[in-house]
Amino acid sequence: MSNFKNYNSDTNLNGNYAEQKFILECLAKKINNILKPININSPYDFIIDINNNLLRIQIKSTWSERKTGNKNFSTKEKYKIGLSSDKHKKYPVNSFDFLIAYIGDFDIWYIIPSHLIINMNSFNVYPTDNYVKSTRDAGKFEIFKNNWDILFDDNKLNIALNSYNNLVFNRAQKEIPNRNELLNNMIIYKSRLQLSNYYNASVTTIARWLKDLNLSYFNDEYKSLLKNELANL
């Protein structure tokens, strides 16, 4: 785990620290040609030369917040990586080749191909691997944790991308219950949270099921069924 004293409330200092750490990581991995753009408005922070292949790298970093009224730091399970540029706008497509995110609390890196995240405002990573696997998006970037090999080997990059795509596809295709079954369970479990606990699925997944099946706790179909159920008690 990284030394907490490296955290600073000045995000620019944290960003500079992460960039220096990145340079050291590159040198340790025998990436000796590391270029820094002169233009401070460049959409990438570095260019690295790997076997005569030039890769544009955008560096992001995050640390835990300082505990209120306490000089100590606390780690957490989910870390948010923001993707806006300095002008708080999304990066244009093809701005860089890889985003490399540094999680300061754990001295962990995420090496992520840009096309997976370029249209996002932010995404979450879980360095402790503690996440709800039934949540549609949770943990999908963990295949890229400390996966520096994908910079050097296209085969390993393709393997990682296939694992990522399979995970995202399988979660998206998680079997939706029969409509009548779900409607009847809505009578028993009177909130999305209760349904979430029953099906061992995230509230987001429950919301998607309800939308796909045109169901709602507020529509006439549900209210009518609930009224009949109460009348039979």
Protein backbone atom coordinates (compact mmCIF):
# COMPACT_ATOMS: atom_id res chain seq x y z
CA MET A 1 0.00 0.00 0.00
CA SER A 2 1.22 3.46 -0.82
CA ASN A 3 2.38 5.77 1.96
CA PHE A 4 -0.55 8.02 2.85
CA LYS A 5 1.71 11.02 3.33
CA ASN A 6 1.93 11.23 -0.48
CA TYR A 7 -1.67 12.44 -0.55
CA ASN A 8 -2.15 16.20 -0.86
CA SER A 9 -5.31 18.25 -1.07
CA ASP A 10 -3.76 20.01 -4.08
CA THR A 11 -4.85 17.87 -7.03
CA ASN A 12 -2.11 19.32 -9.23
CA LEU A 13 0.54 18.08 -6.81
CA ASN A 14 -1.11 14.66 -6.75
CA GLY A 15 -1.15 14.61 -10.55
CA ASN A 16 2.54 15.55 -10.69
CA TYR A 17 3.35 12.83 -8.18
CA ALA A 18 1.48 10.23 -10.29
CA GLU A 19 3.36 11.34 -13.41
CA GLN A 20 6.71 10.94 -11.65
CA LYS A 21 5.64 7.50 -10.46
CA PHE A 22 4.69 6.63 -14.03
CA ILE A 23 8.14 7.58 -15.30
CA LEU A 24 9.76 5.36 -12.65
CA GLU A 25 7.44 2.47 -13.59
CA CYS A 26 8.42 2.87 -17.24
CA LEU A 27 12.12 2.86 -16.45
CA ALA A 28 11.70 -0.23 -14.27
CA LYS A 29 10.03 -1.95 -17.24
CA LYS A 30 12.84 -0.88 -19.56
CA ILE A 31 10.72 1.71 -21.35
CA ASN A 32 13.51 4.22 -21.77
CA ASN A 33 12.09 6.52 -24.43
CA ILE A 34 9.53 8.64 -22.58
CA LEU A 35 8.48 11.90 -24.18
CA LYS A 36 6.61 14.79 -22.54
CA PRO A 37 4.66 17.25 -24.76
CA ILE A 38 5.66 20.89 -24.48
CA ASN A 39 2.06 21.97 -25.06
CA ILE A 40 0.33 21.90 -21.67
CA ASN A 41 -3.04 21.61 -23.43
CA SER A 42 -2.11 18.37 -25.12
CA PRO A 43 -4.80 15.66 -24.64
CA TYR A 44 -2.10 13.21 -23.58
CA ASP A 45 0.59 13.47 -20.91
CA PHE A 46 3.31 11.26 -22.38
CA ILE A 47 4.40 9.42 -25.49
CA ILE A 48 6.27 6.19 -24.88
CA ASP A 49 8.23 4.24 -27.46
CA ILE A 50 7.83 0.46 -27.19
CA ASN A 51 9.61 -1.46 -29.94
CA ASN A 52 9.28 1.54 -32.27
CA ASN A 53 5.55 1.77 -31.54
CA LEU A 54 4.63 5.19 -30.22
CA LEU A 55 1.79 5.18 -27.66
CA ARG A 56 0.05 8.30 -26.34
CA ILE A 57 -0.63 8.05 -22.61
CA GLN A 58 -3.10 10.00 -20.48
CA ILE A 59 -2.38 9.81 -16.73
CA LYS A 60 -5.08 10.04 -14.07
CA SER A 61 -4.79 9.52 -10.33
CA THR A 62 -6.93 9.32 -7.22
CA TRP A 63 -6.51 9.00 -3.47
CA SER A 64 -8.93 8.57 -0.56
CA GLU A 65 -10.28 11.69 1.06
CA ARG A 66 -8.83 12.73 4.41
CA LYS A 67 -11.08 11.80 7.35
CA THR A 68 -12.93 14.82 8.75
CA GLY A 69 -11.17 16.11 11.84
CA ASN A 70 -8.55 13.38 11.66
CA LYS A 71 -5.02 13.48 10.34
CA ASN A 72 -5.21 9.84 9.28
CA PHE A 73 -6.41 8.58 5.94
CA SER A 74 -9.00 5.95 5.16
CA THR A 75 -8.98 3.66 2.15
CA LYS A 76 -12.13 2.68 0.36
CA GLU A 77 -13.27 -0.09 -1.96
CA LYS A 78 -14.46 1.96 -4.94
CA TYR A 79 -12.40 4.68 -6.60
CA LYS A 80 -13.79 7.07 -9.19
CA ILE A 81 -11.64 8.11 -12.13
CA GLY A 82 -12.81 11.36 -13.73
CA LEU A 83 -12.28 11.73 -17.47
CA SER A 84 -12.83 15.41 -18.15
CA SER A 85 -10.03 17.54 -19.52
CA ASP A 86 -8.76 20.66 -17.76
CA LYS A 87 -11.64 22.57 -19.33
CA HIS A 88 -14.13 20.06 -17.88
CA LYS A 89 -15.00 18.69 -21.31
CA LYS A 90 -14.87 15.13 -22.56
CA TYR A 91 -11.75 14.16 -24.44
CA PRO A 92 -12.32 13.96 -28.22
CA VAL A 93 -12.13 10.52 -29.82
CA ASN A 94 -8.55 9.45 -30.61
CA SER A 95 -7.08 11.86 -28.06
CA PHE A 96 -4.78 9.18 -26.63
CA ASP A 97 -4.12 5.45 -26.91
CA PHE A 98 -4.18 4.35 -23.28
CA LEU A 99 -5.44 5.83 -20.06
CA ILE A 100 -3.23 4.84 -17.15
CA ALA A 101 -4.81 5.47 -13.75
CA TYR A 102 -2.86 5.47 -10.50
CA ILE A 103 -4.62 4.50 -7.24
CA GLY A 104 -2.38 6.15 -4.68
CA ASP A 105 -3.68 4.32 -1.61
CA PHE A 106 -2.64 0.94 -2.97
CA ASP A 107 0.16 1.85 -5.41
CA ILE A 108 -1.91 0.17 -8.13
CA TRP A 109 -2.19 1.03 -11.81
CA TYR A 110 -4.95 0.48 -14.36
CA ILE A 111 -3.80 0.36 -17.99
CA ILE A 112 -6.96 0.82 -20.08
CA PRO A 113 -7.32 1.14 -23.88
CA SER A 114 -8.82 4.51 -24.65
CA HIS A 115 -11.72 3.30 -26.81
CA LEU A 116 -13.31 1.63 -23.77
CA ILE A 117 -13.66 4.85 -21.80
CA ILE A 118 -13.39 7.81 -24.17
CA ASN A 119 -17.14 8.59 -24.14
CA MET A 120 -17.49 8.33 -20.35
CA ASN A 121 -17.50 11.15 -17.83
CA SER A 122 -15.99 8.84 -15.23
CA PHE A 123 -15.67 5.19 -14.27
CA ASN A 124 -15.05 3.18 -11.11
CA VAL A 125 -12.30 0.74 -10.20
CA TYR A 126 -12.11 -1.67 -7.26
CA PRO A 127 -8.48 -2.26 -6.25
CA THR A 128 -9.50 -4.55 -3.36
CA ASP A 129 -11.66 -6.69 -5.71
CA ASN A 130 -14.55 -6.10 -3.33
CA TYR A 131 -17.57 -5.42 -5.51
CA VAL A 132 -21.01 -6.86 -6.22
CA LYS A 133 -20.55 -9.00 -9.33
CA SER A 134 -24.25 -8.81 -10.17
CA THR A 135 -23.90 -5.05 -10.62
CA ARG A 136 -23.74 -4.49 -14.35
CA ASP A 137 -20.67 -2.27 -14.50
CA ALA A 138 -18.81 -3.08 -11.28
CA GLY A 139 -15.38 -4.62 -11.66
CA LYS A 140 -15.33 -4.68 -15.44
CA PHE A 141 -11.98 -2.88 -15.60
CA GLU A 142 -10.21 -5.17 -13.11
CA ILE A 143 -8.74 -7.23 -15.97
CA PHE A 144 -6.56 -4.17 -16.65
CA LYS A 145 -5.24 -3.82 -13.08
CA ASN A 146 -1.42 -3.71 -13.18
CA ASN A 147 -1.67 -5.30 -16.64
CA TRP A 148 1.36 -3.59 -18.16
CA ASP A 149 1.89 -6.51 -20.54
CA ILE A 150 -0.83 -5.23 -22.88
CA LEU A 151 1.47 -2.34 -23.81
CA PHE A 152 4.11 -4.76 -25.03
CA ASP A 153 2.14 -7.66 -26.51
CA ASP A 154 -0.84 -7.35 -28.87
CA ASN A 155 -1.88 -10.94 -28.12
CA LYS A 156 -2.15 -10.17 -24.42
CA LEU A 157 -4.05 -6.98 -25.26
CA ASN A 158 -6.55 -8.99 -27.31
CA ILE A 159 -6.94 -11.54 -24.50
CA ALA A 160 -7.70 -8.75 -22.03
CA LEU A 161 -10.17 -7.12 -24.42
CA ASN A 162 -11.94 -10.43 -25.02
CA SER A 163 -12.25 -11.00 -21.26
CA TYR A 164 -13.63 -7.49 -20.85
CA ASN A 165 -16.13 -7.88 -23.68
CA ASN A 166 -17.31 -11.27 -22.44
CA LEU A 167 -17.88 -9.92 -18.94
CA VAL A 168 -19.86 -6.92 -20.20
CA PHE A 169 -21.91 -9.07 -22.60
CA ASN A 170 -22.73 -11.74 -20.02
CA ARG A 171 -23.90 -9.17 -17.51
CA ALA A 172 -26.02 -7.41 -20.11
CA GLN A 173 -27.60 -10.72 -21.06
CA LYS A 174 -28.40 -11.78 -17.51
CA GLU A 175 -31.72 -13.59 -17.75
CA ILE A 176 -34.72 -11.38 -17.14
CA PRO A 177 -37.49 -13.06 -15.11
CA ASN A 178 -40.81 -13.91 -16.70
CA ARG A 179 -42.97 -10.79 -16.77
CA ASN A 180 -45.81 -12.30 -14.72
CA GLU A 181 -43.32 -13.65 -12.20
CA LEU A 182 -41.72 -10.25 -11.77
CA LEU A 183 -45.10 -8.53 -11.53
CA ASN A 184 -46.27 -10.96 -8.84
CA ASN A 185 -43.03 -10.47 -6.91
CA MET A 186 -43.60 -6.72 -7.06
CA ILE A 187 -46.74 -7.33 -5.01
CA ILE A 188 -44.72 -9.23 -2.41
CA TYR A 189 -41.60 -7.04 -2.46
CA LYS A 190 -42.83 -3.48 -2.58
CA SER A 191 -39.67 -1.66 -3.60
CA ARG A 192 -36.78 -2.04 -6.01
CA LEU A 193 -34.44 -2.58 -3.08
CA GLN A 194 -36.52 -5.51 -1.80
CA LEU A 195 -36.60 -6.99 -5.29
CA SER A 196 -32.85 -6.48 -5.51
CA ASN A 197 -32.33 -8.53 -2.33
CA TYR A 198 -34.71 -11.25 -3.53
CA TYR A 199 -33.06 -11.69 -6.94
CA ASN A 200 -29.51 -11.01 -5.70
CA ALA A 201 -29.20 -8.35 -8.38
CA SER A 202 -28.32 -4.68 -8.22
CA VAL A 203 -31.01 -2.01 -7.98
CA THR A 204 -29.78 -0.80 -11.37
CA THR A 205 -30.42 -4.26 -12.84
CA ILE A 206 -33.91 -4.32 -11.32
CA ALA A 207 -34.63 -0.92 -12.84
CA ARG A 208 -33.49 -2.19 -16.24
CA TRP A 209 -35.74 -5.26 -15.97
CA LEU A 210 -38.75 -3.12 -15.07
CA LYS A 211 -38.07 -0.79 -17.98
CA ASP A 212 -37.57 -3.64 -20.46
CA LEU A 213 -40.83 -5.29 -19.35
CA ASN A 214 -42.74 -1.99 -19.16
CA LEU A 215 -43.44 -2.42 -15.46
CA SER A 216 -43.58 0.17 -12.72
CA TYR A 217 -44.69 0.51 -9.12
CA PHE A 218 -46.69 3.52 -10.26
CA ASN A 219 -48.56 2.30 -13.34
CA ASP A 220 -52.22 1.25 -13.40
CA GLU A 221 -51.47 -2.41 -14.02
CA TYR A 222 -49.51 -2.74 -10.79
CA LYS A 223 -51.98 -0.64 -8.78
CA SER A 224 -54.91 -2.72 -10.02
CA LEU A 225 -53.19 -6.00 -9.19
CA LEU A 226 -52.19 -4.69 -5.75
CA LYS A 227 -55.78 -3.55 -5.11
CA ASN A 228 -57.13 -7.00 -5.98
CA GLU A 229 -54.51 -8.66 -3.77
CA LEU A 230 -55.46 -6.48 -0.84
CA ALA A 231 -59.18 -7.16 -1.45
CA ASN A 232 -58.56 -10.90 -1.16
CA LEU A 233 -56.84 -10.63 2.21
